[in-house]
C-alpha atoms as a PDB file:
ATOM      1  CA  UNK A   1       0.000   0.000   0.000  1.00  0.00           C
ATOM      2  CA  UNK A   2       1.261   3.472  -0.896  1.00  0.00           C
ATOM      3  CA  UNK A   3       1.794   6.058   1.809  1.00  0.00           C
ATOM      4  CA  UNK A   4      -0.570   9.044   1.887  1.00  0.00           C
ATOM      5  CA  UNK A   5       1.818  11.539   0.273  1.00  0.00           C
ATOM      6  CA  UNK A   6       2.764   9.224  -2.591  1.00  0.00           C
ATOM      7  CA  UNK A   7      -0.852   8.261  -3.252  1.00  0.00           C
ATOM      8  CA  UNK A   8      -1.979  11.879  -3.468  1.00  0.00           C
ATOM      9  CA  UNK A   9       1.004  12.769  -5.661  1.00  0.00           C
ATOM     10  CA  UNK A  10       0.181   9.941  -8.061  1.00  0.00           C
ATOM     11  CA  UNK A  11      -3.468  10.997  -8.297  1.00  0.00           C
ATOM     12  CA  UNK A  12      -2.299  14.521  -9.145  1.00  0.00           C
ATOM     13  CA  UNK A  13       0.085  13.213 -11.807  1.00  0.00           C
ATOM     14  CA  UNK A  14      -2.552  10.926 -13.355  1.00  0.00           C
ATOM     15  CA  UNK A  15      -5.002  13.807 -13.727  1.00  0.00           C
ATOM     16  CA  UNK A  16      -2.285  16.065 -15.125  1.00  0.00           C
ATOM     17  CA  UNK A  17      -1.020  13.741 -17.866  1.00  0.00           C
ATOM     18  CA  UNK A  18      -4.503  12.764 -19.068  1.00  0.00           C
ATOM     19  CA  UNK A  19      -5.928  14.670 -22.016  1.00  0.00           C
ATOM     20  CA  UNK A  20      -9.474  13.730 -20.984  1.00  0.00           C
ATOM     21  CA  UNK A  21     -11.201  13.847 -17.564  1.00  0.00           C
ATOM     22  CA  UNK A  22     -10.088  10.879 -15.437  1.00  0.00           C
ATOM     23  CA  UNK A  23     -12.762   8.914 -13.609  1.00  0.00           C
ATOM     24  CA  UNK A  24     -12.299   7.467 -10.132  1.00  0.00           C
ATOM     25  CA  UNK A  25     -12.616   4.006 -11.654  1.00  0.00           C
ATOM     26  CA  UNK A  26      -9.719   4.716 -14.037  1.00  0.00           C
ATOM     27  CA  UNK A  27      -7.559   5.841 -11.121  1.00  0.00           C
ATOM     28  CA  UNK A  28      -8.389   2.692  -9.148  1.00  0.00           C
ATOM     29  CA  UNK A  29      -7.468   0.538 -12.134  1.00  0.00           C
ATOM     30  CA  UNK A  30      -4.067   2.226 -12.332  1.00  0.00           C
ATOM     31  CA  UNK A  31      -3.482   2.323  -8.582  1.00  0.00           C
ATOM     32  CA  UNK A  32      -3.790  -1.429  -8.123  1.00  0.00           C
ATOM     33  CA  UNK A  33      -4.321  -2.617  -4.578  1.00  0.00           C
ATOM     34  CA  UNK A  34      -5.577   0.727  -3.251  1.00  0.00           C
ATOM     35  CA  UNK A  35      -8.997   0.888  -1.593  1.00  0.00           C
ATOM     36  CA  UNK A  36     -11.690   2.941  -3.302  1.00  0.00           C
ATOM     37  CA  UNK A  37     -12.543   5.016  -0.232  1.00  0.00           C
ATOM     38  CA  UNK A  38      -8.895   5.854   0.423  1.00  0.00           C
ATOM     39  CA  UNK A  39      -8.282   6.979  -3.162  1.00  0.00           C
ATOM     40  CA  UNK A  40     -11.485   9.020  -3.099  1.00  0.00           C
ATOM     41  CA  UNK A  41     -10.423  10.682   0.184  1.00  0.00           C
ATOM     42  CA  UNK A  42      -7.008  11.636  -1.224  1.00  0.00           C
ATOM     43  CA  UNK A  43      -8.656  12.953  -4.374  1.00  0.00           C
ATOM     44  CA  UNK A  44     -10.898  15.185  -2.280  1.00  0.00           C
ATOM     45  CA  UNK A  45      -7.837  16.420  -0.362  1.00  0.00           C
ATOM     46  CA  UNK A  46      -6.143  17.239  -3.661  1.00  0.00           C
ATOM     47  CA  UNK A  47      -9.197  19.178  -4.840  1.00  0.00           C
ATOM     48  CA  UNK A  48      -9.204  21.141  -1.595  1.00  0.00           C
ATOM     49  CA  UNK A  49      -5.466  21.864  -1.874  1.00  0.00           C
ATOM     50  CA  UNK A  50      -5.843  23.417  -5.311  1.00  0.00           C
ATOM     51  CA  UNK A  51      -8.819  25.496  -4.225  1.00  0.00           C
ATOM     52  CA  UNK A  52      -6.490  27.592  -2.087  1.00  0.00           C
ATOM     53  CA  UNK A  53      -5.757  31.102  -3.360  1.00  0.00           C
ATOM     54  CA  UNK A  54      -2.042  30.492  -3.934  1.00  0.00           C
ATOM     55  CA  UNK A  55      -2.848  28.062  -6.758  1.00  0.00           C
ATOM     56  CA  UNK A  56      -3.724  29.346 -10.215  1.00  0.00           C
ATOM     57  CA  UNK A  57      -5.261  26.058 -11.282  1.00  0.00           C
ATOM     58  CA  UNK A  58      -7.893  23.762  -9.834  1.00  0.00           C
ATOM     59  CA  UNK A  59      -9.108  20.187 -10.101  1.00  0.00           C
ATOM     60  CA  UNK A  60     -12.637  20.206 -11.524  1.00  0.00           C
ATOM     61  CA  UNK A  61     -15.175  17.438 -11.967  1.00  0.00           C
ATOM     62  CA  UNK A  62     -16.027  17.232 -15.647  1.00  0.00           C
ATOM     63  CA  UNK A  63     -18.266  14.606 -17.274  1.00  0.00           C
ATOM     64  CA  UNK A  64     -17.903  12.041 -14.465  1.00  0.00           C
ATOM     65  CA  UNK A  65     -14.145  12.569 -14.346  1.00  0.00           C
ATOM     66  CA  UNK A  66     -11.559  15.008 -13.031  1.00  0.00           C
ATOM     67  CA  UNK A  67      -9.223  17.369 -14.846  1.00  0.00           C
ATOM     68  CA  UNK A  68      -7.047  20.413 -14.233  1.00  0.00           C
ATOM     69  CA  UNK A  69      -8.195  23.832 -15.395  1.00  0.00           C
ATOM     70  CA  UNK A  70      -7.297  27.445 -14.723  1.00  0.00           C
ATOM     71  CA  UNK A  71      -9.469  29.391 -12.302  1.00  0.00           C
ATOM     72  CA  UNK A  72     -12.123  31.732 -13.789  1.00  0.00           C
ATOM     73  CA  UNK A  73     -10.748  34.784 -11.993  1.00  0.00           C
ATOM     74  CA  UNK A  74      -7.471  34.451 -13.933  1.00  0.00           C
ATOM     75  CA  UNK A  75      -8.908  33.955 -17.408  1.00  0.00           C
ATOM     76  CA  UNK A  76      -8.439  37.512 -18.704  1.00  0.00           C
ATOM     77  CA  UNK A  77      -4.700  37.428 -18.038  1.00  0.00           C
ATOM     78  CA  UNK A  78      -4.363  33.877 -19.317  1.00  0.00           C
ATOM     79  CA  UNK A  79      -6.159  34.654 -22.586  1.00  0.00           C
ATOM     80  CA  UNK A  80      -3.644  37.424 -23.225  1.00  0.00           C
ATOM     81  CA  UNK A  81      -0.780  35.028 -22.501  1.00  0.00           C
ATOM     82  CA  UNK A  82      -2.175  32.213 -24.657  1.00  0.00           C
ATOM     83  CA  UNK A  83      -2.529  34.577 -27.632  1.00  0.00           C
ATOM     84  CA  UNK A  84       1.196  35.337 -27.368  1.00  0.00           C
ATOM     85  CA  UNK A  85       2.193  31.667 -27.610  1.00  0.00           C
ATOM     86  CA  UNK A  86       3.610  30.113 -30.757  1.00  0.00           C
ATOM     87  CA  UNK A  87       1.295  27.622 -32.471  1.00  0.00           C
ATOM     88  CA  UNK A  88       2.139  23.926 -31.973  1.00  0.00           C
ATOM     89  CA  UNK A  89       4.711  22.528 -34.388  1.00  0.00           C
ATOM     90  CA  UNK A  90       3.460  19.778 -36.674  1.00  0.00           C
ATOM     91  CA  UNK A  91       5.969  17.747 -38.657  1.00  0.00           C
ATOM     92  CA  UNK A  92       5.534  15.346 -41.557  1.00  0.00           C
ATOM     93  CA  UNK A  93       6.974  11.842 -41.438  1.00  0.00           C
ATOM     94  CA  UNK A  94       9.969  12.816 -43.657  1.00  0.00           C
ATOM     95  CA  UNK A  95      10.668  15.802 -41.394  1.00  0.00           C
ATOM     96  CA  UNK A  96      10.466  13.602 -38.295  1.00  0.00           C
ATOM     97  CA  UNK A  97      12.859  11.061 -39.800  1.00  0.00           C
ATOM     98  CA  UNK A  98      15.315  13.758 -40.872  1.00  0.00           C
ATOM     99  CA  UNK A  99      15.198  15.406 -37.459  1.00  0.00           C
ATOM    100  CA  UNK A 100      15.863  11.978 -35.934  1.00  0.00           C
ATOM    101  CA  UNK A 101      19.006  11.553 -38.002  1.00  0.00           C
ATOM    102  CA  UNK A 102      20.261  15.023 -37.060  1.00  0.00           C
ATOM    103  CA  UNK A 103      19.444  14.546 -33.367  1.00  0.00           C
ATOM    104  CA  UNK A 104      21.402  11.290 -33.074  1.00  0.00           C
ATOM    105  CA  UNK A 105      24.239  11.996 -35.515  1.00  0.00           C
ATOM    106  CA  UNK A 106      24.878  15.683 -34.915  1.00  0.00           C
ATOM    107  CA  UNK A 107      26.758  17.526 -36.159  1.00  0.00           C
ATOM    108  CA  UNK A 108      25.991  16.005 -39.541  1.00  0.00           C
ATOM    109  CA  UNK A 109      26.159  17.202 -43.166  1.00  0.00           C
ATOM    110  CA  UNK A 110      23.420  17.167 -45.800  1.00  0.00           C
ATOM    111  CA  UNK A 111      25.196  14.533 -47.945  1.00  0.00           C
ATOM    112  CA  UNK A 112      25.442  12.280 -44.874  1.00  0.00           C
ATOM    113  CA  UNK A 113      21.746  12.780 -44.096  1.00  0.00           C
ATOM    114  CA  UNK A 114      20.812  12.088 -47.737  1.00  0.00           C
ATOM    115  CA  UNK A 115      22.913   8.918 -47.673  1.00  0.00           C
ATOM    116  CA  UNK A 116      21.287   7.659 -44.455  1.00  0.00           C
ATOM    117  CA  UNK A 117      17.714   8.369 -45.575  1.00  0.00           C
ATOM    118  CA  UNK A 118      18.248   7.482 -49.236  1.00  0.00           C
ATOM    119  CA  UNK A 119      16.512  10.625 -50.518  1.00  0.00           C
ATOM    120  CA  UNK A 120      17.287  14.318 -51.041  1.00  0.00           C
ATOM    121  CA  UNK A 121      16.649  16.037 -47.701  1.00  0.00           C
ATOM    122  CA  UNK A 122      17.539  19.605 -48.663  1.00  0.00           C
ATOM    123  CA  UNK A 123      13.947  20.833 -48.655  1.00  0.00           C
ATOM    124  CA  UNK A 124      13.146  19.066 -45.402  1.00  0.00           C
ATOM    125  CA  UNK A 125      16.155  20.613 -43.656  1.00  0.00           C
ATOM    126  CA  UNK A 126      15.056  24.028 -44.883  1.00  0.00           C
ATOM    127  CA  UNK A 127      11.652  23.399 -43.250  1.00  0.00           C
ATOM    128  CA  UNK A 128      13.276  22.289 -39.987  1.00  0.00           C
ATOM    129  CA  UNK A 129      15.420  25.423 -39.973  1.00  0.00           C
ATOM    130  CA  UNK A 130      12.360  27.609 -40.599  1.00  0.00           C
ATOM    131  CA  UNK A 131      10.740  25.977 -37.573  1.00  0.00           C
ATOM    132  CA  UNK A 132      13.957  26.691 -35.616  1.00  0.00           C
ATOM    133  CA  UNK A 133      14.429  23.050 -34.664  1.00  0.00           C
ATOM    134  CA  UNK A 134      17.723  22.792 -36.550  1.00  0.00           C
ATOM    135  CA  UNK A 135      20.635  25.237 -36.942  1.00  0.00           C
ATOM    136  CA  UNK A 136      23.966  25.234 -38.778  1.00  0.00           C
ATOM    137  CA  UNK A 137      27.108  24.300 -36.864  1.00  0.00           C
ATOM    138  CA  UNK A 138      30.010  25.378 -39.031  1.00  0.00           C
ATOM    139  CA  UNK A 139      31.500  23.364 -41.873  1.00  0.00           C
ATOM    140  CA  UNK A 140      33.080  19.921 -41.985  1.00  0.00           C
ATOM    141  CA  UNK A 141      36.803  19.912 -42.752  1.00  0.00           C
ATOM    142  CA  UNK A 142      36.586  17.734 -45.858  1.00  0.00           C
ATOM    143  CA  UNK A 143      36.578  18.376 -49.615  1.00  0.00           C
ATOM    144  CA  UNK A 144      33.862  20.899 -50.427  1.00  0.00           C
ATOM    145  CA  UNK A 145      33.497  21.885 -46.737  1.00  0.00           C
ATOM    146  CA  UNK A 146      29.793  20.957 -46.463  1.00  0.00           C
ATOM    147  CA  UNK A 147      27.643  22.684 -43.816  1.00  0.00           C
ATOM    148  CA  UNK A 148      27.119  20.837 -40.565  1.00  0.00           C
ATOM    149  CA  UNK A 149      23.667  20.746 -38.934  1.00  0.00           C
ATOM    150  CA  UNK A 150      22.660  20.196 -35.319  1.00  0.00           C
ATOM    151  CA  UNK A 151      19.522  20.532 -33.213  1.00  0.00           C
ATOM    152  CA  UNK A 152      18.743  23.899 -31.632  1.00  0.00           C
ATOM    153  CA  UNK A 153      17.807  25.202 -28.201  1.00  0.00           C
ATOM    154  CA  UNK A 154      14.202  25.345 -29.466  1.00  0.00           C
ATOM    155  CA  UNK A 155      14.456  21.600 -30.152  1.00  0.00           C
ATOM    156  CA  UNK A 156      15.344  21.001 -26.498  1.00  0.00           C
ATOM    157  CA  UNK A 157      12.508  23.243 -25.310  1.00  0.00           C
ATOM    158  CA  UNK A 158      10.013  21.663 -27.705  1.00  0.00           C
ATOM    159  CA  UNK A 159      10.771  18.132 -26.492  1.00  0.00           C
ATOM    160  CA  UNK A 160      11.341  18.968 -22.840  1.00  0.00           C
ATOM    161  CA  UNK A 161      15.018  17.974 -22.757  1.00  0.00           C
ATOM    162  CA  UNK A 162      17.787  19.414 -20.595  1.00  0.00           C
ATOM    163  CA  UNK A 163      20.338  18.567 -23.297  1.00  0.00           C
ATOM    164  CA  UNK A 164      20.804  15.985 -26.056  1.00  0.00           C
ATOM    165  CA  UNK A 165      22.140  13.457 -23.557  1.00  0.00           C
ATOM    166  CA  UNK A 166      18.522  13.054 -22.409  1.00  0.00           C
ATOM    167  CA  UNK A 167      17.337  11.848 -25.812  1.00  0.00           C
ATOM    168  CA  UNK A 168      15.369   8.618 -25.324  1.00  0.00           C
ATOM    169  CA  UNK A 169      16.099   5.469 -27.274  1.00  0.00           C
ATOM    170  CA  UNK A 170      15.145   5.172 -30.911  1.00  0.00           C
ATOM    171  CA  UNK A 171      12.631   2.481 -29.945  1.00  0.00           C
ATOM    172  CA  UNK A 172      10.870   4.892 -27.568  1.00  0.00           C
ATOM    173  CA  UNK A 173      10.789   7.569 -30.262  1.00  0.00           C
ATOM    174  CA  UNK A 174       9.380   5.057 -32.746  1.00  0.00           C
ATOM    175  CA  UNK A 175       6.426   4.440 -30.436  1.00  0.00           C
ATOM    176  CA  UNK A 176       5.853   8.191 -30.033  1.00  0.00           C
ATOM    177  CA  UNK A 177       5.974   8.653 -33.801  1.00  0.00           C
ATOM    178  CA  UNK A 178       3.456   5.883 -34.396  1.00  0.00           C
ATOM    179  CA  UNK A 179       1.019   7.456 -31.929  1.00  0.00           C
ATOM    180  CA  UNK A 180       1.465  10.902 -33.458  1.00  0.00           C
ATOM    181  CA  UNK A 181       1.228   9.880 -37.120  1.00  0.00           C
ATOM    182  CA  UNK A 182      -1.155   6.946 -36.935  1.00  0.00           C
ATOM    183  CA  UNK A 183      -1.698   5.349 -40.338  1.00  0.00           C
ATOM    184  CA  UNK A 184       0.978   7.548 -41.911  1.00  0.00           C
ATOM    185  CA  UNK A 185       3.641   5.600 -40.034  1.00  0.00           C
ATOM    186  CA  UNK A 186       4.443   2.186 -41.536  1.00  0.00           C
ATOM    187  CA  UNK A 187       5.479  -0.511 -39.110  1.00  0.00           C
ATOM    188  CA  UNK A 188       9.199  -1.141 -39.086  1.00  0.00           C
ATOM    189  CA  UNK A 189      11.603  -2.944 -36.832  1.00  0.00           C
ATOM    190  CA  UNK A 190      13.411  -0.723 -34.364  1.00  0.00           C
ATOM    191  CA  UNK A 191      16.839   0.250 -35.591  1.00  0.00           C
ATOM    192  CA  UNK A 192      19.856   0.291 -33.254  1.00  0.00           C
ATOM    193  CA  UNK A 193      21.179   3.696 -32.131  1.00  0.00           C
ATOM    194  CA  UNK A 194      23.447   5.286 -34.777  1.00  0.00           C
ATOM    195  CA  UNK A 195      27.141   4.721 -34.168  1.00  0.00           C
ATOM    196  CA  UNK A 196      30.065   6.994 -34.837  1.00  0.00           C
ATOM    197  CA  UNK A 197      31.702   6.688 -38.228  1.00  0.00           C
ATOM    198  CA  UNK A 198      35.088   4.912 -38.220  1.00  0.00           C
ATOM    199  CA  UNK A 199      38.088   7.165 -37.660  1.00  0.00           C
ATOM    200  CA  UNK A 200      39.162   8.893 -40.849  1.00  0.00           C
ATOM    201  CA  UNK A 201      35.905   8.230 -42.613  1.00  0.00           C
ATOM    202  CA  UNK A 202      33.755  11.070 -43.933  1.00  0.00           C
ATOM    203  CA  UNK A 203      30.759   8.824 -44.372  1.00  0.00           C
ATOM    204  CA  UNK A 204      28.701   7.691 -41.376  1.00  0.00           C
ATOM    205  CA  UNK A 205      27.577   4.134 -41.005  1.00  0.00           C
ATOM    206  CA  UNK A 206      24.237   3.636 -42.689  1.00  0.00           C
ATOM    207  CA  UNK A 207      20.981   3.646 -40.784  1.00  0.00           C
ATOM    208  CA  UNK A 208      17.871   2.281 -42.554  1.00  0.00           C
ATOM    209  CA  UNK A 209      15.782   4.911 -44.317  1.00  0.00           C
ATOM    210  CA  UNK A 210      12.830   3.738 -42.230  1.00  0.00           C
ATOM    211  CA  UNK A 211      14.622   4.545 -38.983  1.00  0.00           C
ATOM    212  CA  UNK A 212      12.304   5.606 -36.167  1.00  0.00           C
ATOM    213  CA  UNK A 213      11.397   9.249 -35.993  1.00  0.00           C
ATOM    214  CA  UNK A 214      12.582  11.061 -32.881  1.00  0.00           C
ATOM    215  CA  UNK A 215      10.375  14.136 -33.059  1.00  0.00           C
ATOM    216  CA  UNK A 216       6.937  12.682 -32.810  1.00  0.00           C
ATOM    217  CA  UNK A 217       5.363  14.602 -29.980  1.00  0.00           C
ATOM    218  CA  UNK A 218       3.729  17.871 -30.771  1.00  0.00           C
ATOM    219  CA  UNK A 219       3.633  18.975 -27.152  1.00  0.00           C
ATOM    220  CA  UNK A 220       6.543  18.013 -24.908  1.00  0.00           C
ATOM    221  CA  UNK A 221       6.347  17.278 -21.192  1.00  0.00           C
ATOM    222  CA  UNK A 222       6.636  20.445 -19.155  1.00  0.00           C
ATOM    223  CA  UNK A 223       6.098  21.729 -15.632  1.00  0.00           C
ATOM    224  CA  UNK A 224       2.491  21.907 -14.561  1.00  0.00           C
ATOM    225  CA  UNK A 225       0.915  24.665 -16.732  1.00  0.00           C
ATOM    226  CA  UNK A 226      -2.220  26.694 -16.199  1.00  0.00           C
ATOM    227  CA  UNK A 227      -4.981  25.283 -18.329  1.00  0.00           C
ATOM    228  CA  UNK A 228      -8.068  27.129 -19.540  1.00  0.00           C
ATOM    229  CA  UNK A 229     -11.439  25.594 -19.103  1.00  0.00           C
END
């Protein structure tokens, strides 16, 4: 059995991560072994906690479930803030795959990206740069001195990463991409993480063109935000 603090924290997290109102029954199914009355009591405590004036959000009962929302008295300020936000970034499957290559092989040149994906990626990289997910990183010291590309600070912010060392596995990204793209994503076996090219080689080891896409999520995890009703 979970202690009181952990149980209440988990209820809070379950409601937060859900896109739809979460019913008490759904919580009980997730919190296996916990008694209904105890979970209900901790839920009511959580609701009371967020009703206090120092919180800008609340837990509301909506359609037989519970969800977070901003408080009505703050809506005028929040509307102004929401209007200032950038629209969510949506990426096509080719853009996701190209961003995946750059994220795991950076810094990387266009010819190397083309070779890995098996298609011309110049237009896709231009799109990624317009969306500020990719930036240039100097030139590679080889014949022709091709431009190097890497992911940007916006990429880290968009996907909720401290730095590129926090990138999840390609298998995890494949699952995210499938959920985001649905029928647009064709099933493929998970590819192993890209490895460094052998010393003295200008050409990276090949990764299948159907490699999993790393940039599947439109909205990254972030600290608890204020949500409008």
